[in-house]
């Protein structure tokens, strides 16, 4: 028998490639924002990088709310055995 199977994400250089690739993809999408002509209802939505910042802060708020919600909804480990 051989040892444990090695997966492609177990190698740190592959994880680094994905990380860099996601950064490049995000920067490319941000660069496309320069070339687009926007027809927005609100002036602030036409600012450069608005949706990039909005998405980032929305994800941060989502994580913070989820952490608080976990404290409210979490039950004891033996909750169903009682």
Protein backbone atom coordinates (compact mmCIF):
# COMPACT_ATOMS: atom_id res chain seq x y z
CA UNK A 1 0.00 0.00 0.00
CA UNK A 2 1.17 3.49 -0.74
CA UNK A 3 1.03 6.46 1.62
CA UNK A 4 -1.76 9.02 1.84
CA UNK A 5 -2.86 10.52 -1.45
CA UNK A 6 -1.49 13.98 -2.22
CA UNK A 7 -4.02 16.43 -3.62
CA UNK A 8 -3.11 19.37 -5.82
CA UNK A 9 -4.16 21.95 -3.20
CA UNK A 10 -1.88 20.34 -0.60
CA UNK A 11 1.08 21.95 -2.34
CA UNK A 12 1.60 25.55 -1.21
CA UNK A 13 2.79 26.74 -4.62
CA UNK A 14 -0.58 25.77 -6.13
CA UNK A 15 -2.43 27.69 -3.44
CA UNK A 16 -0.19 30.69 -4.12
CA UNK A 17 -0.98 30.47 -7.83
CA UNK A 18 -4.72 30.50 -7.13
CA UNK A 19 -4.32 33.42 -4.72
CA UNK A 20 -2.35 35.46 -7.26
CA UNK A 21 -4.76 34.50 -10.03
CA UNK A 22 -7.75 35.74 -8.03
CA UNK A 23 -5.96 39.03 -7.34
CA UNK A 24 -5.18 39.46 -11.05
CA UNK A 25 -8.77 38.62 -11.99
CA UNK A 26 -10.08 41.19 -9.51
CA UNK A 27 -7.67 43.85 -10.75
CA UNK A 28 -8.67 43.08 -14.35
CA UNK A 29 -12.34 43.55 -13.45
CA UNK A 30 -11.46 46.81 -11.73
CA UNK A 31 -9.61 47.94 -14.89
CA UNK A 32 -12.70 47.14 -16.97
CA UNK A 33 -14.56 49.59 -14.74
CA UNK A 34 -12.52 52.38 -16.36
CA UNK A 35 -13.72 51.48 -19.84
CA UNK A 36 -17.43 51.14 -19.08
CA UNK A 37 -19.87 53.98 -19.43
CA UNK A 38 -22.28 53.75 -16.54
CA UNK A 39 -25.95 54.70 -16.56
CA UNK A 40 -26.65 54.76 -12.84
CA UNK A 41 -29.59 56.18 -10.94
CA UNK A 42 -27.39 57.46 -8.14
CA UNK A 43 -24.23 59.52 -8.69
CA UNK A 44 -22.17 57.60 -6.13
CA UNK A 45 -22.77 54.33 -8.00
CA UNK A 46 -20.86 55.74 -10.98
CA UNK A 47 -17.69 56.33 -8.93
CA UNK A 48 -14.65 54.33 -9.97
CA UNK A 49 -14.48 51.06 -8.00
CA UNK A 50 -17.76 51.62 -6.17
CA UNK A 51 -19.04 48.09 -6.66
CA UNK A 52 -15.65 46.65 -5.73
CA UNK A 53 -15.68 48.48 -2.40
CA UNK A 54 -19.37 47.82 -1.84
CA UNK A 55 -18.86 44.08 -2.36
CA UNK A 56 -15.88 44.00 -0.02
CA UNK A 57 -17.64 45.83 2.80
CA UNK A 58 -20.82 43.79 2.28
CA UNK A 59 -18.81 40.57 2.77
CA UNK A 60 -17.15 41.97 5.90
CA UNK A 61 -20.53 42.94 7.35
CA UNK A 62 -21.93 39.51 6.44
CA UNK A 63 -19.13 37.76 8.34
CA UNK A 64 -19.53 40.00 11.39
CA UNK A 65 -23.31 39.50 11.47
CA UNK A 66 -22.85 35.73 11.09
CA UNK A 67 -20.49 35.68 14.08
CA UNK A 68 -23.09 37.46 16.22
CA UNK A 69 -25.88 35.25 14.91
CA UNK A 70 -23.89 32.16 15.82
CA UNK A 71 -23.85 33.27 19.44
CA UNK A 72 -27.62 33.71 19.41
CA UNK A 73 -28.53 30.47 17.62
CA UNK A 74 -25.88 28.10 19.00
CA UNK A 75 -27.10 25.34 21.30
CA UNK A 76 -25.28 23.06 23.68
CA UNK A 77 -23.59 20.03 22.18
CA UNK A 78 -26.01 17.64 23.87
CA UNK A 79 -29.10 19.70 23.01
CA UNK A 80 -30.93 16.90 21.17
CA UNK A 81 -30.06 14.21 23.71
CA UNK A 82 -31.84 16.01 26.53
